Amino acid sequence: MISASFKRNELVLKELDLLREDANVYKLIGPVLVKQDLAEANANVRKRIEYISAELKRLDATVQDLEEKQNSKRDTILKLQQRIQSVQAGKGKA
């Protein structure tokens, strides 16, 4: 969802960059289109892109951290399973 929003904002920025300085730009606020200054619209979209990029980086770091924890827990479980199997094999021989 964040990625789609990022792409939409990039497309909006590209469209704004194509406009002349005297072009009319409108922002949808609820059911109303409100006239907005091109420079202000451009700055708002850039800020949104910056914010979304930071969120994507933060989420990527969180996912990576969770994957590392998952791998660590998996290793711990495998070691415990091996110990259990060796203990059970030892009891079977006795």
N, C-alpha and C. Protein backbone atom coordinates (compact mmCIF):
# COMPACT_ATOMS: atom_id res chain seq x y z
N MET A 1 0.82 -1.18 0.00
CA MET A 1 0.00 0.00 0.00
C MET A 1 0.87 1.25 0.00
N ILE A 2 1.90 1.27 0.81
CA ILE A 2 2.80 2.42 0.85
C ILE A 2 3.52 2.57 -0.48
N SER A 3 3.91 1.43 -1.05
CA SER A 3 4.62 1.47 -2.33
C SER A 3 3.73 2.05 -3.43
N ALA A 4 2.46 1.69 -3.44
CA ALA A 4 1.53 2.22 -4.44
C ALA A 4 1.37 3.72 -4.26
N SER A 5 1.29 4.16 -3.01
CA SER A 5 1.16 5.58 -2.73
C SER A 5 2.41 6.33 -3.19
N PHE A 6 3.56 5.70 -2.99
CA PHE A 6 4.83 6.29 -3.43
C PHE A 6 4.83 6.48 -4.94
N LYS A 7 4.41 5.45 -5.66
CA LYS A 7 4.39 5.52 -7.13
C LYS A 7 3.40 6.58 -7.62
N ARG A 8 2.24 6.64 -6.96
CA ARG A 8 1.25 7.66 -7.35
C ARG A 8 1.82 9.06 -7.17
N ASN A 9 2.49 9.28 -6.05
CA ASN A 9 3.07 10.60 -5.79
C ASN A 9 4.18 10.93 -6.78
N GLU A 10 4.96 9.93 -7.16
CA GLU A 10 5.99 10.17 -8.17
C GLU A 10 5.37 10.57 -9.50
N LEU A 11 4.26 9.92 -9.87
CA LEU A 11 3.57 10.27 -11.11
C LEU A 11 3.02 11.70 -11.03
N VAL A 12 2.47 12.06 -9.89
CA VAL A 12 1.96 13.42 -9.71
C VAL A 12 3.09 14.43 -9.86
N LEU A 13 4.24 14.12 -9.27
CA LEU A 13 5.39 15.02 -9.36
C LEU A 13 5.84 15.18 -10.81
N LYS A 14 5.87 14.10 -11.55
CA LYS A 14 6.25 14.18 -12.97
C LYS A 14 5.28 15.06 -13.74
N GLU A 15 4.00 14.91 -13.44
CA GLU A 15 2.99 15.74 -14.12
C GLU A 15 3.14 17.21 -13.74
N LEU A 16 3.41 17.47 -12.47
CA LEU A 16 3.60 18.86 -12.03
C LEU A 16 4.83 19.48 -12.70
N ASP A 17 5.86 18.67 -12.89
CA ASP A 17 7.09 19.18 -13.53
C ASP A 17 6.85 19.55 -14.99
N LEU A 18 5.84 18.96 -15.61
CA LEU A 18 5.53 19.26 -17.01
C LEU A 18 4.76 20.57 -17.18
N LEU A 19 4.18 21.06 -16.11
CA LEU A 19 3.33 22.26 -16.19
C LEU A 19 4.16 23.54 -16.27
N ARG A 20 3.56 24.54 -16.92
CA ARG A 20 4.16 25.87 -16.93
C ARG A 20 3.88 26.53 -15.59
N GLU A 21 4.65 27.56 -15.27
CA GLU A 21 4.51 28.22 -13.97
C GLU A 21 3.15 28.89 -13.77
N ASP A 22 2.51 29.27 -14.87
CA ASP A 22 1.22 29.96 -14.76
C ASP A 22 0.03 29.00 -14.83
N ALA A 23 0.29 27.70 -14.81
CA ALA A 23 -0.79 26.70 -14.90
C ALA A 23 -1.62 26.69 -13.63
N ASN A 24 -2.89 26.39 -13.81
CA ASN A 24 -3.79 26.26 -12.66
C ASN A 24 -3.67 24.84 -12.10
N VAL A 25 -3.49 24.75 -10.80
CA VAL A 25 -3.40 23.47 -10.12
C VAL A 25 -4.48 23.44 -9.05
N TYR A 26 -5.19 22.32 -8.97
CA TYR A 26 -6.25 22.18 -7.98
C TYR A 26 -5.97 20.96 -7.12
N LYS A 27 -6.33 21.11 -5.84
CA LYS A 27 -6.16 20.02 -4.89
C LYS A 27 -7.55 19.58 -4.45
N LEU A 28 -7.76 18.26 -4.42
CA LEU A 28 -9.04 17.73 -4.00
C LEU A 28 -9.05 17.63 -2.48
N ILE A 29 -9.94 18.39 -1.86
CA ILE A 29 -10.12 18.35 -0.41
C ILE A 29 -11.57 17.96 -0.16
N GLY A 30 -11.76 16.72 0.22
CA GLY A 30 -13.13 16.20 0.35
C GLY A 30 -13.78 16.22 -1.02
N PRO A 31 -14.97 16.78 -1.12
CA PRO A 31 -15.66 16.83 -2.42
C PRO A 31 -15.35 18.10 -3.21
N VAL A 32 -14.40 18.92 -2.73
CA VAL A 32 -14.16 20.24 -3.33
C VAL A 32 -12.76 20.32 -3.93
N LEU A 33 -12.68 20.93 -5.12
CA LEU A 33 -11.38 21.23 -5.73
C LEU A 33 -10.98 22.64 -5.33
N VAL A 34 -9.82 22.76 -4.70
CA VAL A 34 -9.34 24.06 -4.22
C VAL A 34 -8.10 24.43 -5.03
N LYS A 35 -8.09 25.67 -5.54
CA LYS A 35 -6.95 26.13 -6.32
C LYS A 35 -5.72 26.21 -5.41
N GLN A 36 -4.58 25.76 -5.97
CA GLN A 36 -3.34 25.73 -5.19
C GLN A 36 -2.21 26.25 -6.06
N ASP A 37 -1.28 26.92 -5.43
CA ASP A 37 -0.10 27.43 -6.10
C ASP A 37 0.75 26.25 -6.58
N LEU A 38 1.29 26.33 -7.78
CA LEU A 38 2.08 25.23 -8.35
C LEU A 38 3.29 24.92 -7.47
N ALA A 39 3.99 25.95 -6.99
CA ALA A 39 5.17 25.73 -6.16
C ALA A 39 4.78 25.03 -4.85
N GLU A 40 3.66 25.43 -4.29
CA GLU A 40 3.18 24.81 -3.05
C GLU A 40 2.80 23.34 -3.29
N ALA A 41 2.11 23.08 -4.39
CA ALA A 41 1.72 21.71 -4.73
C ALA A 41 2.97 20.85 -4.93
N ASN A 42 3.94 21.40 -5.63
CA ASN A 42 5.20 20.70 -5.88
C ASN A 42 5.91 20.37 -4.57
N ALA A 43 5.97 21.35 -3.67
CA ALA A 43 6.64 21.15 -2.38
C ALA A 43 5.91 20.10 -1.54
N ASN A 44 4.58 20.14 -1.56
CA ASN A 44 3.80 19.15 -0.79
C ASN A 44 4.03 17.73 -1.29
N VAL A 45 4.05 17.57 -2.60
CA VAL A 45 4.26 16.23 -3.17
C VAL A 45 5.67 15.74 -2.85
N ARG A 46 6.64 16.62 -2.95
CA ARG A 46 8.02 16.23 -2.61
C ARG A 46 8.14 15.81 -1.13
N LYS A 47 7.47 16.54 -0.26
CA LYS A 47 7.49 16.19 1.17
C LYS A 47 6.84 14.82 1.39
N ARG A 48 5.73 14.58 0.69
CA ARG A 48 5.07 13.27 0.82
C ARG A 48 5.98 12.15 0.36
N ILE A 49 6.66 12.36 -0.77
CA ILE A 49 7.58 11.35 -1.30
C ILE A 49 8.72 11.11 -0.31
N GLU A 50 9.23 12.18 0.26
CA GLU A 50 10.30 12.07 1.25
C GLU A 50 9.83 11.27 2.47
N TYR A 51 8.63 11.58 2.95
CA TYR A 51 8.07 10.87 4.11
C TYR A 51 7.86 9.39 3.79
N ILE A 52 7.28 9.10 2.64
CA ILE A 52 7.00 7.71 2.26
C ILE A 52 8.31 6.94 2.09
N SER A 53 9.32 7.58 1.51
CA SER A 53 10.63 6.93 1.36
C SER A 53 11.21 6.57 2.72
N ALA A 54 11.11 7.48 3.66
CA ALA A 54 11.62 7.21 5.01
C ALA A 54 10.86 6.07 5.66
N GLU A 55 9.55 6.03 5.47
CA GLU A 55 8.74 4.95 6.03
C GLU A 55 9.12 3.60 5.40
N LEU A 56 9.34 3.60 4.09
CA LEU A 56 9.74 2.36 3.41
C LEU A 56 11.08 1.85 3.95
N LYS A 57 12.02 2.75 4.15
CA LYS A 57 13.32 2.35 4.71
C LYS A 57 13.16 1.80 6.12
N ARG A 58 12.33 2.46 6.91
CA ARG A 58 12.10 2.02 8.28
C ARG A 58 11.47 0.63 8.30
N LEU A 59 10.47 0.44 7.44
CA LEU A 59 9.80 -0.86 7.39
C LEU A 59 10.74 -1.95 6.87
N ASP A 60 11.58 -1.63 5.91
CA ASP A 60 12.56 -2.61 5.41
C ASP A 60 13.51 -3.03 6.52
N ALA A 61 13.94 -2.07 7.33
CA ALA A 61 14.83 -2.38 8.44
C ALA A 61 14.12 -3.26 9.46
N THR A 62 12.86 -2.98 9.72
CA THR A 62 12.08 -3.79 10.66
C THR A 62 11.93 -5.22 10.15
N VAL A 63 11.62 -5.36 8.88
CA VAL A 63 11.48 -6.69 8.28
C VAL A 63 12.80 -7.45 8.36
N GLN A 64 13.88 -6.78 8.05
CA GLN A 64 15.19 -7.44 8.11
C GLN A 64 15.51 -7.89 9.54
N ASP A 65 15.21 -7.05 10.51
CA ASP A 65 15.45 -7.40 11.91
C ASP A 65 14.60 -8.62 12.31
N LEU A 66 13.35 -8.63 11.90
CA LEU A 66 12.48 -9.76 12.23
C LEU A 66 12.94 -11.05 11.54
N GLU A 67 13.44 -10.94 10.32
CA GLU A 67 13.94 -12.12 9.62
C GLU A 67 15.17 -12.68 10.34
N GLU A 68 16.03 -11.80 10.83
CA GLU A 68 17.21 -12.24 11.57
C GLU A 68 16.80 -12.95 12.87
N LYS A 69 15.81 -12.39 13.56
CA LYS A 69 15.32 -13.02 14.78
C LYS A 69 14.69 -14.38 14.47
N GLN A 70 13.95 -14.45 13.38
CA GLN A 70 13.31 -15.70 12.97
C GLN A 70 14.37 -16.76 12.69
N ASN A 71 15.42 -16.39 11.97
CA ASN A 71 16.49 -17.34 11.65
C ASN A 71 17.20 -17.81 12.92
N SER A 72 17.39 -16.91 13.86
CA SER A 72 18.02 -17.26 15.13
C SER A 72 17.16 -18.26 15.89
N LYS A 73 15.87 -18.01 15.95
CA LYS A 73 14.94 -18.92 16.65
C LYS A 73 14.90 -20.28 15.95
N ARG A 74 14.93 -20.27 14.62
CA ARG A 74 14.93 -21.52 13.85
C ARG A 74 16.17 -22.34 14.19
N ASP A 75 17.31 -21.69 14.26
CA ASP A 75 18.55 -22.39 14.62
C ASP A 75 18.46 -22.98 16.02
N THR A 76 17.91 -22.21 16.94
CA THR A 76 17.75 -22.69 18.32
C THR A 76 16.85 -23.92 18.35
N ILE A 77 15.76 -23.88 17.63
CA ILE A 77 14.82 -25.01 17.58
C ILE A 77 15.49 -26.24 16.98
N LEU A 78 16.25 -26.06 15.90
CA LEU A 78 16.94 -27.19 15.27
C LEU A 78 17.93 -27.84 16.24
N LYS A 79 18.66 -27.02 16.98
CA LYS A 79 19.62 -27.54 17.95
C LYS A 79 18.91 -28.33 19.05
N LEU A 80 17.79 -27.78 19.52
CA LEU A 80 17.03 -28.48 20.55
C LEU A 80 16.47 -29.81 20.03
N GLN A 81 15.99 -29.81 18.80
CA GLN A 81 15.48 -31.05 18.20
C GLN A 81 16.59 -32.10 18.09
N GLN A 82 17.79 -31.66 17.70
CA GLN A 82 18.91 -32.59 17.59
C GLN A 82 19.28 -33.16 18.96
N ARG A 83 19.25 -32.31 20.00
CA ARG A 83 19.55 -32.79 21.35
C ARG A 83 18.52 -33.81 21.81
N ILE A 84 17.25 -33.51 21.54
CA ILE A 84 16.18 -34.43 21.92
C ILE A 84 16.36 -35.78 21.22
N GLN A 85 16.67 -35.72 19.92
CA GLN A 85 16.86 -36.95 19.16
C GLN A 85 18.05 -37.75 19.68
N SER A 86 19.12 -37.07 20.04
CA SER A 86 20.30 -37.80 20.55
C SER A 86 20.01 -38.39 21.93
N VAL A 87 19.24 -37.67 22.74
CA VAL A 87 18.88 -38.21 24.07
C VAL A 87 17.96 -39.43 23.91
N GLN A 88 17.01 -39.31 22.96
CA GLN A 88 16.09 -40.43 22.73
C GLN A 88 16.83 -41.62 22.15
N ALA A 89 17.79 -41.39 21.29
CA ALA A 89 18.59 -42.49 20.72
C ALA A 89 19.42 -43.15 21.80
N GLY A 90 19.95 -42.37 22.75
CA GLY A 90 20.72 -42.90 23.86
C GLY A 90 19.87 -43.76 24.77
N LYS A 91 18.63 -43.38 25.00
CA LYS A 91 17.73 -44.15 25.86
C LYS A 91 17.32 -45.45 25.17
N GLY A 92 17.21 -45.40 23.86
CA GLY A 92 16.83 -46.59 23.12
C GLY A 92 17.90 -47.65 23.16
N LYS A 93 19.14 -47.26 23.24
CA LYS A 93 20.27 -48.22 23.28
C LYS A 93 20.42 -48.83 24.68
N ALA A 94 20.02 -48.09 25.70
CA ALA A 94 20.25 -48.55 27.08
C ALA A 94 19.30 -49.61 27.54
